[in-house]
């Protein structure tokens, strides 16, 4: 994401105004009383907040300008719905509103349509996972999530996988100046080439340098087609641990094959 871009949607981001908490409070009071100018000043004074929120996202289809506009919609909703009696900072209330608006936009514009039931199950699973993590200070297992939701472990795994954004064939795999390699470039059928034959030998040798657990995860993930959630359930660790071990194993393979 080009967040170093100075102008987004015609707004010079290098000159964005920042409001103090006292100024926000005063403007929120005036805006709640129907003062349109105060509402507009609140929007302009919180655009840096929108800019910081969209920095959390890694858009593959949407431009920064699109996300910024959608984020501004979330900001306006936060201004219009903020309860002055709540003892919270405006930014604390606004950030989830902005994030929610962007996530809805990305979900509704996703080329791969996921059924509402599957999507709802995925969001309930994520919420349950967060509740367990917060209350017990540890990562939740798929089995625990499934038990609390009264569904099967496979349903939970499938739902969570379904809401993961797919990779585009034109996503960049590697870039060095003008020399960019895309996913589609890696799909050519070279199964009979000498280069692939040598690469397969190198991969087998590199695999021997992995720990038994790392080798097991790589085997399940890339040779047996398991998801990280499924692997976590099979070997009795959290999905986050599987992700870390997988990344570490891949880094080792790259090192030994380079």
Protein backbone atom coordinates (compact mmCIF):
# COMPACT_ATOMS: atom_id res chain seq x y z
CA UNK A 1 0.00 0.00 0.00
CA UNK A 2 1.40 3.36 -0.98
CA UNK A 3 0.80 5.18 2.29
CA UNK A 4 3.69 7.47 1.46
CA UNK A 5 1.39 8.94 -1.17
CA UNK A 6 0.92 12.63 -0.34
CA UNK A 7 -2.45 13.15 -2.02
CA UNK A 8 -5.32 10.71 -1.48
CA UNK A 9 -8.75 11.45 -2.97
CA UNK A 10 -7.65 15.03 -3.55
CA UNK A 11 -6.65 15.48 0.12
CA UNK A 12 -3.12 16.59 0.92
CA UNK A 13 -2.30 14.13 3.71
CA UNK A 14 0.86 15.97 4.70
CA UNK A 15 -1.25 18.95 5.79
CA UNK A 16 -4.00 17.14 7.69
CA UNK A 17 -5.18 18.87 10.83
CA UNK A 18 -5.04 17.21 14.26
CA UNK A 19 -7.61 18.04 16.96
CA UNK A 20 -7.05 17.97 20.70
CA UNK A 21 -9.43 15.94 22.86
CA UNK A 22 -10.98 19.18 24.13
CA UNK A 23 -11.57 20.40 20.58
CA UNK A 24 -13.11 17.07 19.61
CA UNK A 25 -15.43 17.21 22.60
CA UNK A 26 -16.61 20.71 21.80
CA UNK A 27 -17.17 19.89 18.12
CA UNK A 28 -19.02 16.67 18.98
CA UNK A 29 -21.38 18.63 21.22
CA UNK A 30 -22.04 21.19 18.50
CA UNK A 31 -22.44 18.49 15.82
CA UNK A 32 -24.96 16.62 17.97
CA UNK A 33 -26.98 19.84 18.09
CA UNK A 34 -27.13 20.00 14.30
CA UNK A 35 -24.12 22.24 13.57
CA UNK A 36 -23.07 21.15 10.05
CA UNK A 37 -19.85 23.16 10.13
CA UNK A 38 -18.78 21.49 13.38
CA UNK A 39 -19.51 18.08 11.83
CA UNK A 40 -17.41 18.94 8.78
CA UNK A 41 -14.55 20.18 10.98
CA UNK A 42 -14.70 16.91 12.95
CA UNK A 43 -14.39 14.91 9.74
CA UNK A 44 -11.43 16.96 8.50
CA UNK A 45 -9.78 16.85 11.92
CA UNK A 46 -9.93 13.05 12.08
CA UNK A 47 -8.71 12.13 8.60
CA UNK A 48 -5.32 11.21 10.06
CA UNK A 49 -7.17 8.57 12.08
CA UNK A 50 -8.65 7.12 8.88
CA UNK A 51 -5.20 7.17 7.28
CA UNK A 52 -3.69 5.25 10.20
CA UNK A 53 -6.47 2.64 10.10
CA UNK A 54 -6.16 1.85 6.38
CA UNK A 55 -2.46 1.24 7.03
CA UNK A 56 -3.52 -1.99 8.78
CA UNK A 57 -4.92 -3.38 5.55
CA UNK A 58 -3.07 -4.94 2.63
CA UNK A 59 -5.38 -4.41 -0.33
CA UNK A 60 -4.86 -6.59 -3.41
CA UNK A 61 -7.65 -5.18 -5.53
CA UNK A 62 -8.69 -1.88 -3.99
CA UNK A 63 -6.68 1.32 -4.31
CA UNK A 64 -5.63 3.39 -1.32
CA UNK A 65 -8.08 6.04 -2.50
CA UNK A 66 -10.99 3.58 -2.39
CA UNK A 67 -10.14 2.40 1.12
CA UNK A 68 -9.68 5.98 2.29
CA UNK A 69 -13.15 6.93 1.01
CA UNK A 70 -14.74 3.90 2.65
CA UNK A 71 -12.87 4.67 5.87
CA UNK A 72 -14.28 8.20 5.78
CA UNK A 73 -17.78 6.74 5.63
CA UNK A 74 -17.01 4.80 8.81
CA UNK A 75 -15.68 8.00 10.41
CA UNK A 76 -18.86 9.91 9.57
CA UNK A 77 -20.99 7.09 11.01
CA UNK A 78 -18.90 7.25 14.18
CA UNK A 79 -19.45 11.01 14.47
CA UNK A 80 -23.20 10.71 13.91
CA UNK A 81 -23.62 7.83 16.39
CA UNK A 82 -21.16 8.78 19.14
CA UNK A 83 -22.76 8.97 22.58
CA UNK A 84 -21.35 11.91 24.53
CA UNK A 85 -22.34 10.23 27.78
CA UNK A 86 -19.89 7.39 27.19
CA UNK A 87 -16.65 7.72 29.10
CA UNK A 88 -14.46 6.78 26.13
CA UNK A 89 -12.28 8.75 23.76
CA UNK A 90 -13.81 9.40 20.37
CA UNK A 91 -10.94 7.61 18.59
CA UNK A 92 -11.56 4.48 20.70
CA UNK A 93 -15.12 4.40 19.40
CA UNK A 94 -14.31 5.48 15.84
CA UNK A 95 -11.55 2.99 14.98
CA UNK A 96 -13.77 -0.16 15.13
CA UNK A 97 -16.42 1.69 13.07
CA UNK A 98 -13.85 2.54 10.38
CA UNK A 99 -12.41 -0.99 10.36
CA UNK A 100 -15.90 -2.50 10.16
CA UNK A 101 -16.82 -0.33 7.19
CA UNK A 102 -13.65 -1.32 5.31
CA UNK A 103 -14.14 -5.01 6.06
CA UNK A 104 -17.73 -4.86 4.80
CA UNK A 105 -16.52 -3.17 1.63
CA UNK A 106 -13.84 -5.80 1.02
CA UNK A 107 -16.25 -8.65 1.81
CA UNK A 108 -18.95 -7.32 -0.52
CA UNK A 109 -16.42 -6.78 -3.32
CA UNK A 110 -14.74 -10.16 -2.96
CA UNK A 111 -14.71 -12.03 -6.29
CA UNK A 112 -15.18 -15.34 -4.44
CA UNK A 113 -18.65 -15.39 -2.90
CA UNK A 114 -19.00 -17.07 0.46
CA UNK A 115 -22.46 -18.05 1.72
CA UNK A 116 -23.89 -15.95 4.54
CA UNK A 117 -24.13 -19.02 6.79
CA UNK A 118 -20.46 -19.89 6.31
CA UNK A 119 -19.40 -16.28 6.80
CA UNK A 120 -21.48 -15.95 9.98
CA UNK A 121 -19.99 -19.16 11.37
CA UNK A 122 -16.49 -17.88 10.63
CA UNK A 123 -17.13 -14.60 12.45
CA UNK A 124 -18.67 -16.42 15.43
CA UNK A 125 -15.65 -18.72 15.50
CA UNK A 126 -13.28 -15.75 15.50
CA UNK A 127 -15.25 -14.12 18.29
CA UNK A 128 -15.20 -17.34 20.34
CA UNK A 129 -11.47 -17.72 19.73
CA UNK A 130 -10.90 -14.18 21.00
CA UNK A 131 -13.06 -14.79 24.09
CA UNK A 132 -11.12 -17.93 25.00
CA UNK A 133 -7.80 -16.21 24.40
CA UNK A 134 -8.80 -13.24 26.54
CA UNK A 135 -10.25 -15.25 29.43
CA UNK A 136 -7.66 -18.04 29.57
CA UNK A 137 -4.58 -16.22 28.22
CA UNK A 138 -3.86 -18.85 25.59
CA UNK A 139 -4.75 -19.77 22.03
CA UNK A 140 -7.99 -21.66 21.51
CA UNK A 141 -8.05 -24.98 19.67
CA UNK A 142 -10.47 -25.80 16.85
CA UNK A 143 -12.03 -28.47 19.07
CA UNK A 144 -12.83 -25.93 21.81
CA UNK A 145 -14.31 -23.46 19.34
CA UNK A 146 -16.42 -26.19 17.71
CA UNK A 147 -17.67 -27.43 21.09
CA UNK A 148 -18.77 -23.96 22.21
CA UNK A 149 -20.57 -23.35 18.92
CA UNK A 150 -22.08 -26.86 18.82
CA UNK A 151 -20.71 -27.58 15.36
CA UNK A 152 -18.09 -29.95 13.95
CA UNK A 153 -14.39 -29.13 13.88
CA UNK A 154 -14.42 -29.51 10.10
CA UNK A 155 -17.18 -26.88 9.82
CA UNK A 156 -15.12 -24.41 11.86
CA UNK A 157 -11.95 -25.04 9.83
CA UNK A 158 -13.79 -24.76 6.52
CA UNK A 159 -15.56 -21.55 7.54
CA UNK A 160 -12.34 -19.87 8.66
CA UNK A 161 -10.56 -20.89 5.48
CA UNK A 162 -13.46 -19.58 3.38
CA UNK A 163 -13.09 -15.99 4.56
CA UNK A 164 -9.34 -15.85 3.84
CA UNK A 165 -8.78 -13.58 0.86
CA UNK A 166 -7.65 -15.61 -2.19
CA UNK A 167 -4.34 -14.96 -3.92
CA UNK A 168 -4.54 -13.38 -7.36
CA UNK A 169 -2.63 -14.94 -10.25
CA UNK A 170 -1.17 -11.49 -10.77
CA UNK A 171 0.08 -10.95 -7.22
CA UNK A 172 3.81 -10.27 -7.08
CA UNK A 173 5.93 -13.14 -5.75
CA UNK A 174 9.24 -11.36 -6.18
CA UNK A 175 10.24 -7.93 -7.39
CA UNK A 176 13.59 -6.34 -8.11
CA UNK A 177 13.16 -3.08 -9.96
CA UNK A 178 11.42 -3.86 -13.25
CA UNK A 179 12.08 -7.59 -12.88
CA UNK A 180 8.85 -8.80 -11.21
CA UNK A 181 7.75 -12.43 -10.89
CA UNK A 182 4.00 -13.07 -10.51
CA UNK A 183 2.11 -16.11 -9.23
CA UNK A 184 1.02 -16.99 -12.77
CA UNK A 185 4.69 -17.17 -13.81
CA UNK A 186 5.22 -20.04 -11.35
CA UNK A 187 2.44 -22.21 -12.82
CA UNK A 188 4.13 -23.37 -16.01
CA UNK A 189 4.34 -27.15 -16.47
CA UNK A 190 8.04 -27.89 -16.21
CA UNK A 191 7.72 -31.30 -14.58
CA UNK A 192 10.06 -32.92 -17.11
CA UNK A 193 12.77 -30.26 -17.09
CA UNK A 194 16.28 -30.92 -15.76
CA UNK A 195 16.01 -27.79 -13.61
CA UNK A 196 12.96 -29.11 -11.77
CA UNK A 197 14.58 -32.53 -11.36
CA UNK A 198 17.63 -30.94 -9.72
CA UNK A 199 15.38 -28.65 -7.62
CA UNK A 200 13.42 -31.65 -6.33
CA UNK A 201 16.66 -33.31 -5.21
CA UNK A 202 17.70 -30.09 -3.46
CA UNK A 203 14.31 -29.88 -1.75
CA UNK A 204 14.55 -33.45 -0.47
CA UNK A 205 18.01 -32.75 0.94
CA UNK A 206 16.80 -29.50 2.54
CA UNK A 207 13.81 -31.30 4.10
CA UNK A 208 16.24 -33.58 5.99
CA UNK A 209 17.51 -30.52 7.85
CA UNK A 210 14.09 -29.74 9.35
CA UNK A 211 13.00 -30.91 12.79
CA UNK A 212 10.47 -33.79 12.88
CA UNK A 213 7.66 -31.35 13.81
CA UNK A 214 8.60 -28.91 11.03
CA UNK A 215 8.78 -31.74 8.51
CA UNK A 216 5.40 -33.04 9.66
CA UNK A 217 3.79 -29.62 9.22
CA UNK A 218 5.31 -29.06 5.75
CA UNK A 219 4.19 -32.56 4.69
CA UNK A 220 0.62 -32.03 5.92
CA UNK A 221 0.40 -28.47 4.59
CA UNK A 222 1.86 -28.78 1.09
CA UNK A 223 1.71 -32.48 0.23
CA UNK A 224 -1.54 -33.49 1.90
CA UNK A 225 -3.39 -30.19 1.48
CA UNK A 226 -4.28 -29.65 5.14
CA UNK A 227 -5.22 -26.19 6.43
CA UNK A 228 -3.33 -24.68 9.36
CA UNK A 229 -6.42 -25.12 11.53
CA UNK A 230 -6.67 -28.81 10.61
CA UNK A 231 -2.98 -29.38 11.33
CA UNK A 232 -3.34 -27.63 14.70
CA UNK A 233 -6.18 -29.99 15.63
CA UNK A 234 -4.26 -33.06 14.44
CA UNK A 235 -1.03 -32.43 16.36
CA UNK A 236 -2.53 -30.66 19.38
CA UNK A 237 -1.11 -27.14 19.13
CA UNK A 238 -2.60 -23.76 18.26
CA UNK A 239 -3.06 -22.42 14.73
CA UNK A 240 -0.70 -19.56 15.60
CA UNK A 241 2.02 -22.06 16.54
CA UNK A 242 1.48 -23.96 13.28
CA UNK A 243 1.82 -20.69 11.38
CA UNK A 244 5.08 -19.81 13.14
CA UNK A 245 6.56 -23.29 12.65
CA UNK A 246 5.53 -23.32 8.99
CA UNK A 247 7.15 -19.94 8.37
CA UNK A 248 10.33 -21.01 10.15
CA UNK A 249 10.51 -24.23 8.14
CA UNK A 250 10.03 -22.40 4.85
CA UNK A 251 12.76 -19.92 5.78
CA UNK A 252 15.11 -22.83 6.50
CA UNK A 253 14.28 -24.50 3.17
CA UNK A 254 14.94 -21.28 1.30
CA UNK A 255 18.25 -20.85 3.10
CA UNK A 256 19.47 -24.37 2.36
CA UNK A 257 18.33 -24.27 -1.27
CA UNK A 258 19.81 -20.85 -2.04
